[in-house]
mmCIF file of all heavy atoms, coordinates in Angstrom:
data_MODEL
# 
_entry.id   MODEL 
# 
loop_
_atom_site.group_PDB 
_atom_site.id 
_atom_site.type_symbol 
_atom_site.label_atom_id 
_atom_site.label_alt_id 
_atom_site.label_comp_id 
_atom_site.label_asym_id 
_atom_site.label_entity_id 
_atom_site.label_seq_id 
_atom_site.pdbx_PDB_ins_code 
_atom_site.Cartn_x 
_atom_site.Cartn_y 
_atom_site.Cartn_z 
_atom_site.occupancy 
_atom_site.B_iso_or_equiv 
_atom_site.pdbx_formal_charge 
_atom_site.auth_seq_id 
_atom_site.auth_comp_id 
_atom_site.auth_asym_id 
_atom_site.auth_atom_id 
_atom_site.pdbx_PDB_model_num 
ATOM 1   N N   . THR A 1 1  ? 0.873   -1.165 0.000   1.00 0.00 ? 1  THR A N   1 
ATOM 2   C CA  . THR A 1 1  ? 0.000   0.000  0.000   1.00 0.00 ? 1  THR A CA  1 
ATOM 3   C C   . THR A 1 1  ? 0.911   1.217  0.000   1.00 0.00 ? 1  THR A C   1 
ATOM 4   O O   . THR A 1 1  ? 1.731   1.385  0.896   1.00 0.00 ? 1  THR A O   1 
ATOM 5   C CB  . THR A 1 1  ? -0.919  -0.001 1.232   1.00 0.00 ? 1  THR A CB  1 
ATOM 6   O OG1 . THR A 1 1  ? -1.709  -1.192 1.197   1.00 0.00 ? 1  THR A OG1 1 
ATOM 7   C CG2 . THR A 1 1  ? -1.826  1.214  1.231   1.00 0.00 ? 1  THR A CG2 1 
ATOM 8   N N   . LEU A 1 2  ? 0.770   2.067  -1.012  1.00 0.00 ? 2  LEU A N   1 
ATOM 9   C CA  . LEU A 1 2  ? 1.704   3.162  -1.198  1.00 0.00 ? 2  LEU A CA  1 
ATOM 10  C C   . LEU A 1 2  ? 1.292   4.441  -0.492  1.00 0.00 ? 2  LEU A C   1 
ATOM 11  O O   . LEU A 1 2  ? 2.124   5.149  0.048   1.00 0.00 ? 2  LEU A O   1 
ATOM 12  C CB  . LEU A 1 2  ? 1.891   3.430  -2.694  1.00 0.00 ? 2  LEU A CB  1 
ATOM 13  C CG  . LEU A 1 2  ? 2.352   2.215  -3.507  1.00 0.00 ? 2  LEU A CG  1 
ATOM 14  C CD1 . LEU A 1 2  ? 2.407   2.560  -4.979  1.00 0.00 ? 2  LEU A CD1 1 
ATOM 15  C CD2 . LEU A 1 2  ? 3.697   1.731  -3.005  1.00 0.00 ? 2  LEU A CD2 1 
ATOM 16  N N   . THR A 1 3  ? 0.004   4.754  -0.518  1.00 0.00 ? 3  THR A N   1 
ATOM 17  C CA  . THR A 1 3  ? -0.482  5.975  0.112   1.00 0.00 ? 3  THR A CA  1 
ATOM 18  C C   . THR A 1 3  ? -1.999  5.910  0.167   1.00 0.00 ? 3  THR A C   1 
ATOM 19  O O   . THR A 1 3  ? -2.618  5.000  -0.369  1.00 0.00 ? 3  THR A O   1 
ATOM 20  C CB  . THR A 1 3  ? -0.002  7.233  -0.639  1.00 0.00 ? 3  THR A CB  1 
ATOM 21  O OG1 . THR A 1 3  ? -0.336  8.389  0.123   1.00 0.00 ? 3  THR A OG1 1 
ATOM 22  C CG2 . THR A 1 3  ? -0.614  7.342  -2.018  1.00 0.00 ? 3  THR A CG2 1 
ATOM 23  N N   . PHE A 1 4  ? -2.594  6.882  0.797   1.00 0.00 ? 4  PHE A N   1 
ATOM 24  C CA  . PHE A 1 4  ? -4.051  6.978  0.885   1.00 0.00 ? 4  PHE A CA  1 
ATOM 25  C C   . PHE A 1 4  ? -4.534  7.810  -0.296  1.00 0.00 ? 4  PHE A C   1 
ATOM 26  O O   . PHE A 1 4  ? -3.976  8.874  -0.574  1.00 0.00 ? 4  PHE A O   1 
ATOM 27  C CB  . PHE A 1 4  ? -4.431  7.649  2.211   1.00 0.00 ? 4  PHE A CB  1 
ATOM 28  C CG  . PHE A 1 4  ? -5.898  7.630  2.505   1.00 0.00 ? 4  PHE A CG  1 
ATOM 29  C CD1 . PHE A 1 4  ? -6.500  6.514  3.036   1.00 0.00 ? 4  PHE A CD1 1 
ATOM 30  C CD2 . PHE A 1 4  ? -6.679  8.743  2.245   1.00 0.00 ? 4  PHE A CD2 1 
ATOM 31  C CE1 . PHE A 1 4  ? -7.850  6.494  3.308   1.00 0.00 ? 4  PHE A CE1 1 
ATOM 32  C CE2 . PHE A 1 4  ? -8.030  8.732  2.507   1.00 0.00 ? 4  PHE A CE2 1 
ATOM 33  C CZ  . PHE A 1 4  ? -8.617  7.598  3.054   1.00 0.00 ? 4  PHE A CZ  1 
ATOM 34  N N   . ASP A 1 5  ? -5.601  7.378  -0.982  1.00 0.00 ? 5  ASP A N   1 
ATOM 35  C CA  . ASP A 1 5  ? -6.077  8.089  -2.170  1.00 0.00 ? 5  ASP A CA  1 
ATOM 36  C C   . ASP A 1 5  ? -7.172  9.099  -1.856  1.00 0.00 ? 5  ASP A C   1 
ATOM 37  O O   . ASP A 1 5  ? -7.041  10.269 -2.156  1.00 0.00 ? 5  ASP A O   1 
ATOM 38  C CB  . ASP A 1 5  ? -6.572  7.101  -3.221  1.00 0.00 ? 5  ASP A CB  1 
ATOM 39  C CG  . ASP A 1 5  ? -6.952  7.795  -4.515  1.00 0.00 ? 5  ASP A CG  1 
ATOM 40  O OD1 . ASP A 1 5  ? -6.057  8.394  -5.136  1.00 0.00 ? 5  ASP A OD1 1 
ATOM 41  O OD2 . ASP A 1 5  ? -8.141  7.783  -4.874  1.00 0.00 ? 5  ASP A OD2 1 
ATOM 42  N N   . HIS A 1 6  ? -8.280  8.649  -1.285  1.00 0.00 ? 6  HIS A N   1 
ATOM 43  C CA  . HIS A 1 6  ? -9.394  9.563  -1.002  1.00 0.00 ? 6  HIS A CA  1 
ATOM 44  C C   . HIS A 1 6  ? -10.346 8.927  -0.003  1.00 0.00 ? 6  HIS A C   1 
ATOM 45  O O   . HIS A 1 6  ? -10.256 7.750  0.293   1.00 0.00 ? 6  HIS A O   1 
ATOM 46  C CB  . HIS A 1 6  ? -10.156 9.932  -2.281  1.00 0.00 ? 6  HIS A CB  1 
ATOM 47  C CG  . HIS A 1 6  ? -10.927 8.796  -2.872  1.00 0.00 ? 6  HIS A CG  1 
ATOM 48  N ND1 . HIS A 1 6  ? -10.379 7.908  -3.772  1.00 0.00 ? 6  HIS A ND1 1 
ATOM 49  C CD2 . HIS A 1 6  ? -12.209 8.387  -2.681  1.00 0.00 ? 6  HIS A CD2 1 
ATOM 50  C CE1 . HIS A 1 6  ? -11.287 7.005  -4.111  1.00 0.00 ? 6  HIS A CE1 1 
ATOM 51  N NE2 . HIS A 1 6  ? -12.411 7.271  -3.460  1.00 0.00 ? 6  HIS A NE2 1 
ATOM 52  N N   . VAL A 1 7  ? -11.265 9.742  0.499   1.00 0.00 ? 7  VAL A N   1 
ATOM 53  C CA  . VAL A 1 7  ? -12.353 9.250  1.327   1.00 0.00 ? 7  VAL A CA  1 
ATOM 54  C C   . VAL A 1 7  ? -13.649 9.623  0.625   1.00 0.00 ? 7  VAL A C   1 
ATOM 55  O O   . VAL A 1 7  ? -13.752 10.697 0.022   1.00 0.00 ? 7  VAL A O   1 
ATOM 56  C CB  . VAL A 1 7  ? -12.285 9.837  2.767   1.00 0.00 ? 7  VAL A CB  1 
ATOM 57  C CG1 . VAL A 1 7  ? -12.430 11.329 2.774   1.00 0.00 ? 7  VAL A CG1 1 
ATOM 58  C CG2 . VAL A 1 7  ? -13.315 9.175  3.672   1.00 0.00 ? 7  VAL A CG2 1 
ATOM 59  N N   . GLY A 1 8  ? -14.625 8.729  0.638   1.00 0.00 ? 8  GLY A N   1 
ATOM 60  C CA  . GLY A 1 8  ? -15.939 9.008  0.070   1.00 0.00 ? 8  GLY A CA  1 
ATOM 61  C C   . GLY A 1 8  ? -16.875 9.514  1.160   1.00 0.00 ? 8  GLY A C   1 
ATOM 62  O O   . GLY A 1 8  ? -16.922 8.937  2.245   1.00 0.00 ? 8  GLY A O   1 
ATOM 63  N N   . ILE A 1 9  ? -17.581 10.603 0.864   1.00 0.00 ? 9  ILE A N   1 
ATOM 64  C CA  . ILE A 1 9  ? -18.488 11.212 1.831   1.00 0.00 ? 9  ILE A CA  1 
ATOM 65  C C   . ILE A 1 9  ? -19.871 11.291 1.206   1.00 0.00 ? 9  ILE A C   1 
ATOM 66  O O   . ILE A 1 9  ? -20.067 11.964 0.188   1.00 0.00 ? 9  ILE A O   1 
ATOM 67  C CB  . ILE A 1 9  ? -17.995 12.625 2.238   1.00 0.00 ? 9  ILE A CB  1 
ATOM 68  C CG1 . ILE A 1 9  ? -16.567 12.528 2.819   1.00 0.00 ? 9  ILE A CG1 1 
ATOM 69  C CG2 . ILE A 1 9  ? -18.960 13.263 3.218   1.00 0.00 ? 9  ILE A CG2 1 
ATOM 70  C CD1 . ILE A 1 9  ? -15.907 13.870 3.033   1.00 0.00 ? 9  ILE A CD1 1 
ATOM 71  N N   . ARG A 1 10 ? -20.836 10.569 1.784   1.00 0.00 ? 10 ARG A N   1 
ATOM 72  C CA  . ARG A 1 10 ? -22.195 10.566 1.243   1.00 0.00 ? 10 ARG A CA  1 
ATOM 73  C C   . ARG A 1 10 ? -22.900 11.861 1.599   1.00 0.00 ? 10 ARG A C   1 
ATOM 74  O O   . ARG A 1 10 ? -22.882 12.296 2.746   1.00 0.00 ? 10 ARG A O   1 
ATOM 75  C CB  . ARG A 1 10 ? -22.984 9.375  1.761   1.00 0.00 ? 10 ARG A CB  1 
ATOM 76  C CG  . ARG A 1 10 ? -24.405 9.340  1.195   1.00 0.00 ? 10 ARG A CG  1 
ATOM 77  C CD  . ARG A 1 10 ? -25.074 7.993  1.350   1.00 0.00 ? 10 ARG A CD  1 
ATOM 78  N NE  . ARG A 1 10 ? -24.539 7.100  0.339   1.00 0.00 ? 10 ARG A NE  1 
ATOM 79  C CZ  . ARG A 1 10 ? -23.953 5.930  0.600   1.00 0.00 ? 10 ARG A CZ  1 
ATOM 80  N NH1 . ARG A 1 10 ? -23.851 5.491  1.829   1.00 0.00 ? 10 ARG A NH1 1 
ATOM 81  N NH2 . ARG A 1 10 ? -23.486 5.176  -0.371  1.00 0.00 ? 10 ARG A NH2 1 
ATOM 82  N N   . VAL A 1 11 ? -23.530 12.490 0.589   1.00 0.00 ? 11 VAL A N   1 
ATOM 83  C CA  . VAL A 1 11 ? -24.228 13.760 0.762   1.00 0.00 ? 11 VAL A CA  1 
ATOM 84  C C   . VAL A 1 11 ? -25.592 13.695 0.096   1.00 0.00 ? 11 VAL A C   1 
ATOM 85  O O   . VAL A 1 11 ? -25.849 12.840 -0.761  1.00 0.00 ? 11 VAL A O   1 
ATOM 86  C CB  . VAL A 1 11 ? -23.399 14.939 0.185   1.00 0.00 ? 11 VAL A CB  1 
ATOM 87  C CG1 . VAL A 1 11 ? -22.049 15.044 0.895   1.00 0.00 ? 11 VAL A CG1 1 
ATOM 88  C CG2 . VAL A 1 11 ? -23.203 14.818 -1.314  1.00 0.00 ? 11 VAL A CG2 1 
ATOM 89  N N   . THR A 1 12 ? -26.473 14.607 0.500   1.00 0.00 ? 12 THR A N   1 
ATOM 90  C CA  . THR A 1 12 ? -27.822 14.638 -0.075  1.00 0.00 ? 12 THR A CA  1 
ATOM 91  C C   . THR A 1 12 ? -27.942 15.613 -1.240  1.00 0.00 ? 12 THR A C   1 
ATOM 92  O O   . THR A 1 12 ? -28.768 15.414 -2.123  1.00 0.00 ? 12 THR A O   1 
ATOM 93  C CB  . THR A 1 12 ? -28.866 15.025 0.993   1.00 0.00 ? 12 THR A CB  1 
ATOM 94  O OG1 . THR A 1 12 ? -28.512 16.285 1.556   1.00 0.00 ? 12 THR A OG1 1 
ATOM 95  C CG2 . THR A 1 12 ? -28.941 13.965 2.087   1.00 0.00 ? 12 THR A CG2 1 
ATOM 96  N N   . ASP A 1 13 ? -27.140 16.667 -1.252  1.00 0.00 ? 13 ASP A N   1 
ATOM 97  C CA  . ASP A 1 13 ? -27.253 17.703 -2.284  1.00 0.00 ? 13 ASP A CA  1 
ATOM 98  C C   . ASP A 1 13 ? -25.845 18.050 -2.750  1.00 0.00 ? 13 ASP A C   1 
ATOM 99  O O   . ASP A 1 13 ? -25.073 18.679 -2.017  1.00 0.00 ? 13 ASP A O   1 
ATOM 100 C CB  . ASP A 1 13 ? -27.955 18.928 -1.702  1.00 0.00 ? 13 ASP A CB  1 
ATOM 101 C CG  . ASP A 1 13 ? -28.233 20.004 -2.724  1.00 0.00 ? 13 ASP A CG  1 
ATOM 102 O OD1 . ASP A 1 13 ? -27.307 20.350 -3.507  1.00 0.00 ? 13 ASP A OD1 1 
ATOM 103 O OD2 . ASP A 1 13 ? -29.356 20.530 -2.725  1.00 0.00 ? 13 ASP A OD2 1 
ATOM 104 N N   . LEU A 1 14 ? -25.524 17.669 -3.984  1.00 0.00 ? 14 LEU A N   1 
ATOM 105 C CA  . LEU A 1 14 ? -24.171 17.862 -4.499  1.00 0.00 ? 14 LEU A CA  1 
ATOM 106 C C   . LEU A 1 14 ? -23.779 19.335 -4.499  1.00 0.00 ? 14 LEU A C   1 
ATOM 107 O O   . LEU A 1 14 ? -22.676 19.682 -4.073  1.00 0.00 ? 14 LEU A O   1 
ATOM 108 C CB  . LEU A 1 14 ? -24.035 17.279 -5.909  1.00 0.00 ? 14 LEU A CB  1 
ATOM 109 C CG  . LEU A 1 14 ? -22.670 17.501 -6.570  1.00 0.00 ? 14 LEU A CG  1 
ATOM 110 C CD1 . LEU A 1 14 ? -21.542 16.894 -5.750  1.00 0.00 ? 14 LEU A CD1 1 
ATOM 111 C CD2 . LEU A 1 14 ? -22.682 16.956 -7.988  1.00 0.00 ? 14 LEU A CD2 1 
ATOM 112 N N   . ALA A 1 15 ? -24.640 20.211 -4.951  1.00 0.00 ? 15 ALA A N   1 
ATOM 113 C CA  . ALA A 1 15 ? -24.292 21.637 -5.038  1.00 0.00 ? 15 ALA A CA  1 
ATOM 114 C C   . ALA A 1 15 ? -23.982 22.220 -3.660  1.00 0.00 ? 15 ALA A C   1 
ATOM 115 O O   . ALA A 1 15 ? -23.006 22.961 -3.491  1.00 0.00 ? 15 ALA A O   1 
ATOM 116 C CB  . ALA A 1 15 ? -25.413 22.421 -5.709  1.00 0.00 ? 15 ALA A CB  1 
ATOM 117 N N   . VAL A 1 16 ? -24.788 21.886 -2.670  1.00 0.00 ? 16 VAL A N   1 
ATOM 118 C CA  . VAL A 1 16 ? -24.566 22.388 -1.312  1.00 0.00 ? 16 VAL A CA  1 
ATOM 119 C C   . VAL A 1 16 ? -23.255 21.841 -0.749  1.00 0.00 ? 16 VAL A C   1 
ATOM 120 O O   . VAL A 1 16 ? -22.443 22.576 -0.181  1.00 0.00 ? 16 VAL A O   1 
ATOM 121 C CB  . VAL A 1 16 ? -25.761 22.036 -0.393  1.00 0.00 ? 16 VAL A CB  1 
ATOM 122 C CG1 . VAL A 1 16 ? -25.450 22.322 1.064   1.00 0.00 ? 16 VAL A CG1 1 
ATOM 123 C CG2 . VAL A 1 16 ? -27.005 22.789 -0.843  1.00 0.00 ? 16 VAL A CG2 1 
ATOM 124 N N   . ALA A 1 17 ? -23.032 20.546 -0.917  1.00 0.00 ? 17 ALA A N   1 
ATOM 125 C CA  . ALA A 1 17 ? -21.810 19.924 -0.399  1.00 0.00 ? 17 ALA A CA  1 
ATOM 126 C C   . ALA A 1 17 ? -20.577 20.449 -1.123  1.00 0.00 ? 17 ALA A C   1 
ATOM 127 O O   . ALA A 1 17 ? -19.558 20.751 -0.492  1.00 0.00 ? 17 ALA A O   1 
ATOM 128 C CB  . ALA A 1 17 ? -21.894 18.406 -0.532  1.00 0.00 ? 17 ALA A CB  1 
ATOM 129 N N   . GLU A 1 18 ? -20.665 20.595 -2.426  1.00 0.00 ? 18 GLU A N   1 
ATOM 130 C CA  . GLU A 1 18 ? -19.525 21.083 -3.196  1.00 0.00 ? 18 GLU A CA  1 
ATOM 131 C C   . GLU A 1 18 ? -19.181 22.522 -2.784  1.00 0.00 ? 18 GLU A C   1 
ATOM 132 O O   . GLU A 1 18 ? -18.005 22.877 -2.661  1.00 0.00 ? 18 GLU A O   1 
ATOM 133 C CB  . GLU A 1 18 ? -19.823 21.003 -4.687  1.00 0.00 ? 18 GLU A CB  1 
ATOM 134 C CG  . GLU A 1 18 ? -18.622 21.187 -5.557  1.00 0.00 ? 18 GLU A CG  1 
ATOM 135 C CD  . GLU A 1 18 ? -18.881 20.877 -7.031  1.00 0.00 ? 18 GLU A CD  1 
ATOM 136 O OE1 . GLU A 1 18 ? -20.010 20.520 -7.408  1.00 0.00 ? 18 GLU A OE1 1 
ATOM 137 O OE2 . GLU A 1 18 ? -17.922 21.008 -7.797  1.00 0.00 ? 18 GLU A OE2 1 
ATOM 138 N N   . ALA A 1 19 ? -20.182 23.338 -2.525  1.00 0.00 ? 19 ALA A N   1 
ATOM 139 C CA  . ALA A 1 19 ? -19.947 24.714 -2.062  1.00 0.00 ? 19 ALA A CA  1 
ATOM 140 C C   . ALA A 1 19 ? -19.275 24.704 -0.686  1.00 0.00 ? 19 ALA A C   1 
ATOM 141 O O   . ALA A 1 19 ? -18.339 25.463 -0.438  1.00 0.00 ? 19 ALA A O   1 
ATOM 142 C CB  . ALA A 1 19 ? -21.255 25.490 -2.019  1.00 0.00 ? 19 ALA A CB  1 
ATOM 143 N N   . PHE A 1 20 ? -19.739 23.831 0.221   1.00 0.00 ? 20 PHE A N   1 
ATOM 144 C CA  . PHE A 1 20 ? -19.151 23.756 1.565   1.00 0.00 ? 20 PHE A CA  1 
ATOM 145 C C   . PHE A 1 20 ? -17.690 23.329 1.482   1.00 0.00 ? 20 PHE A C   1 
ATOM 146 O O   . PHE A 1 20 ? -16.812 23.974 2.062   1.00 0.00 ? 20 PHE A O   1 
ATOM 147 C CB  . PHE A 1 20 ? -19.938 22.776 2.441   1.00 0.00 ? 20 PHE A CB  1 
ATOM 148 C CG  . PHE A 1 20 ? -19.326 22.582 3.801   1.00 0.00 ? 20 PHE A CG  1 
ATOM 149 C CD1 . PHE A 1 20 ? -19.585 23.481 4.822   1.00 0.00 ? 20 PHE A CD1 1 
ATOM 150 C CD2 . PHE A 1 20 ? -18.487 21.514 4.057   1.00 0.00 ? 20 PHE A CD2 1 
ATOM 151 C CE1 . PHE A 1 20 ? -19.000 23.323 6.075   1.00 0.00 ? 20 PHE A CE1 1 
ATOM 152 C CE2 . PHE A 1 20 ? -17.900 21.332 5.301   1.00 0.00 ? 20 PHE A CE2 1 
ATOM 153 C CZ  . PHE A 1 20 ? -18.173 22.248 6.312   1.00 0.00 ? 20 PHE A CZ  1 
ATOM 154 N N   . TYR A 1 21 ? -17.413 22.231 0.783   1.00 0.00 ? 21 TYR A N   1 
ATOM 155 C CA  . TYR A 1 21 ? -16.038 21.746 0.695   1.00 0.00 ? 21 TYR A CA  1 
ATOM 156 C C   . TYR A 1 21 ? -15.171 22.701 -0.126  1.00 0.00 ? 21 TYR A C   1 
ATOM 157 O O   . TYR A 1 21 ? -13.954 22.780 0.091   1.00 0.00 ? 21 TYR A O   1 
ATOM 158 C CB  . TYR A 1 21 ? -15.999 20.311 0.173   1.00 0.00 ? 21 TYR A CB  1 
ATOM 159 C CG  . TYR A 1 21 ? -16.454 19.345 1.236   1.00 0.00 ? 21 TYR A CG  1 
ATOM 160 C CD1 . TYR A 1 21 ? -17.778 18.888 1.277   1.00 0.00 ? 21 TYR A CD1 1 
ATOM 161 C CD2 . TYR A 1 21 ? -15.592 18.932 2.236   1.00 0.00 ? 21 TYR A CD2 1 
ATOM 162 C CE1 . TYR A 1 21 ? -18.206 18.036 2.285   1.00 0.00 ? 21 TYR A CE1 1 
ATOM 163 C CE2 . TYR A 1 21 ? -16.006 18.081 3.246   1.00 0.00 ? 21 TYR A CE2 1 
ATOM 164 C CZ  . TYR A 1 21 ? -17.315 17.630 3.260   1.00 0.00 ? 21 TYR A CZ  1 
ATOM 165 O OH  . TYR A 1 21 ? -17.732 16.793 4.265   1.00 0.00 ? 21 TYR A OH  1 
ATOM 166 N N   . GLY A 1 22 ? -15.787 23.469 -1.024  1.00 0.00 ? 22 GLY A N   1 
ATOM 167 C CA  . GLY A 1 22 ? -15.067 24.517 -1.739  1.00 0.00 ? 22 GLY A CA  1 
ATOM 168 C C   . GLY A 1 22 ? -14.536 25.570 -0.788  1.00 0.00 ? 22 GLY A C   1 
ATOM 169 O O   . GLY A 1 22 ? -13.437 26.104 -0.967  1.00 0.00 ? 22 GLY A O   1 
ATOM 170 N N   . ARG A 1 23 ? -15.300 25.871 0.255   1.00 0.00 ? 23 ARG A N   1 
ATOM 171 C CA  . ARG A 1 23 ? -14.840 26.821 1.275   1.00 0.00 ? 23 ARG A CA  1 
ATOM 172 C C   . ARG A 1 23 ? -13.605 26.296 2.000   1.00 0.00 ? 23 ARG A C   1 
ATOM 173 O O   . ARG A 1 23 ? -12.811 27.071 2.519   1.00 0.00 ? 23 ARG A O   1 
ATOM 174 C CB  . ARG A 1 23 ? -15.957 27.108 2.273   1.00 0.00 ? 23 ARG A CB  1 
ATOM 175 C CG  . ARG A 1 23 ? -17.107 27.877 1.644   1.00 0.00 ? 23 ARG A CG  1 
ATOM 176 C CD  . ARG A 1 23 ? -18.336 27.884 2.497   1.00 0.00 ? 23 ARG A CD  1 
ATOM 177 N NE  . ARG A 1 23 ? -18.171 28.723 3.695   1.00 0.00 ? 23 ARG A NE  1 
ATOM 178 C CZ  . ARG A 1 23 ? -19.052 28.745 4.686   1.00 0.00 ? 23 ARG A CZ  1 
ATOM 179 N NH1 . ARG A 1 23 ? -20.146 27.998 4.649   1.00 0.00 ? 23 ARG A NH1 1 
ATOM 180 N NH2 . ARG A 1 23 ? -18.853 29.522 5.731   1.00 0.00 ? 23 ARG A NH2 1 
ATOM 181 N N   . LEU A 1 24 ? -13.439 24.967 2.034   1.00 0.00 ? 24 LEU A N   1 
ATOM 182 C CA  . LEU A 1 24 ? -12.258 24.355 2.652   1.00 0.00 ? 24 LEU A CA  1 
ATOM 183 C C   . LEU A 1 24 ? -11.108 24.206 1.654   1.00 0.00 ? 24 LEU A C   1 
ATOM 184 O O   . LEU A 1 24 ? -10.068 23.635 1.999   1.00 0.00 ? 24 LEU A O   1 
ATOM 185 C CB  . LEU A 1 24 ? -12.611 22.987 3.239   1.00 0.00 ? 24 LEU A CB  1 
ATOM 186 C CG  . LEU A 1 24 ? -13.665 22.979 4.348   1.00 0.00 ? 24 LEU A CG  1 
ATOM 187 C CD1 . LEU A 1 24 ? -13.969 21.549 4.775   1.00 0.00 ? 24 LEU A CD1 1 
ATOM 188 C CD2 . LEU A 1 24 ? -13.226 23.812 5.540   1.00 0.00 ? 24 LEU A CD2 1 
ATOM 189 N N   . GLY A 1 25 ? -11.306 24.682 0.421   1.00 0.00 ? 25 GLY A N   1 
ATOM 190 C CA  . GLY A 1 25 ? -10.241 24.671 -0.575  1.00 0.00 ? 25 GLY A CA  1 
ATOM 191 C C   . GLY A 1 25 ? -10.328 23.578 -1.624  1.00 0.00 ? 25 GLY A C   1 
ATOM 192 O O   . GLY A 1 25 ? -9.473  23.491 -2.494  1.00 0.00 ? 25 GLY A O   1 
ATOM 193 N N   . PHE A 1 26 ? -11.356 22.738 -1.571  1.00 0.00 ? 26 PHE A N   1 
ATOM 194 C CA  . PHE A 1 26 ? -11.494 21.658 -2.540  1.00 0.00 ? 26 PHE A CA  1 
ATOM 195 C C   . PHE A 1 26 ? -12.217 22.150 -3.796  1.00 0.00 ? 26 PHE A C   1 
ATOM 196 O O   . PHE A 1 26 ? -13.181 22.908 -3.701  1.00 0.00 ? 26 PHE A O   1 
ATOM 197 C CB  . PHE A 1 26 ? -12.295 20.495 -1.937  1.00 0.00 ? 26 PHE A CB  1 
ATOM 198 C CG  . PHE A 1 26 ? -11.544 19.730 -0.890  1.00 0.00 ? 26 PHE A CG  1 
ATOM 199 C CD1 . PHE A 1 26 ? -11.579 20.119 0.439   1.00 0.00 ? 26 PHE A CD1 1 
ATOM 200 C CD2 . PHE A 1 26 ? -10.794 18.618 -1.231  1.00 0.00 ? 26 PHE A CD2 1 
ATOM 201 C CE1 . PHE A 1 26 ? -10.891 19.417 1.415   1.00 0.00 ? 26 PHE A CE1 1 
ATOM 202 C CE2 . PHE A 1 26 ? -10.096 17.901 -0.265  1.00 0.00 ? 26 PHE A CE2 1 
ATOM 203 C CZ  . PHE A 1 26 ? -10.143 18.300 1.054   1.00 0.00 ? 26 PHE A CZ  1 
ATOM 204 N N   . VAL A 1 27 ? -11.754 21.710 -4.966  1.00 0.00 ? 27 VAL A N   1 
ATOM 205 C CA  . VAL A 1 27 ? -12.404 22.034 -6.236  1.00 0.00 ? 27 VAL A CA  1 
ATOM 206 C C   . VAL A 1 27 ? -12.687 20.745 -7.001  1.00 0.00 ? 27 VAL A C   1 
ATOM 207 O O   . VAL A 1 27 ? -12.008 19.722 -6.804  1.00 0.00 ? 27 VAL A O   1 
ATOM 208 C CB  . VAL A 1 27 ? -11.545 22.986 -7.102  1.00 0.00 ? 27 VAL A CB  1 
ATOM 209 C CG1 . VAL A 1 27 ? -11.361 24.335 -6.414  1.00 0.00 ? 27 VAL A CG1 1 
ATOM 210 C CG2 . VAL A 1 27 ? -10.205 22.371 -7.448  1.00 0.00 ? 27 VAL A CG2 1 
ATOM 211 N N   . ARG A 1 28 ? -13.681 20.807 -7.866  1.00 0.00 ? 28 ARG A N   1 
ATOM 212 C CA  . ARG A 1 28 ? -14.070 19.626 -8.636  1.00 0.00 ? 28 ARG A CA  1 
ATOM 213 C C   . ARG A 1 28 ? -12.961 19.211 -9.598  1.00 0.00 ? 28 ARG A C   1 
ATOM 214 O O   . ARG A 1 28 ? -12.370 20.028 -10.276 1.00 0.00 ? 28 ARG A O   1 
ATOM 215 C CB  . ARG A 1 28 ? -15.335 19.913 -9.430  1.00 0.00 ? 28 ARG A CB  1 
ATOM 216 C CG  . ARG A 1 28 ? -15.838 18.677 -10.181 1.00 0.00 ? 28 ARG A CG  1 
ATOM 217 C CD  . ARG A 1 28 ? -17.037 18.945 -11.023 1.00 0.00 ? 28 ARG A CD  1 
ATOM 218 N NE  . ARG A 1 28 ? -18.212 19.178 -10.188 1.00 0.00 ? 28 ARG A NE  1 
ATOM 219 C CZ  . ARG A 1 28 ? -19.453 19.019 -10.623 1.00 0.00 ? 28 ARG A CZ  1 
ATOM 220 N NH1 . ARG A 1 28 ? -19.675 18.660 -11.871 1.00 0.00 ? 28 ARG A NH1 1 
ATOM 221 N NH2 . ARG A 1 28 ? -20.463 19.259 -9.812  1.00 0.00 ? 28 ARG A NH2 1 
# 
């Protein structure tokens, strides 16, 4: 195992979740 790739987070509304995580610096 070389490294950790990602974590999956279940959400109800993609636009709302994407905006929230965007505030933390994540982009699509």
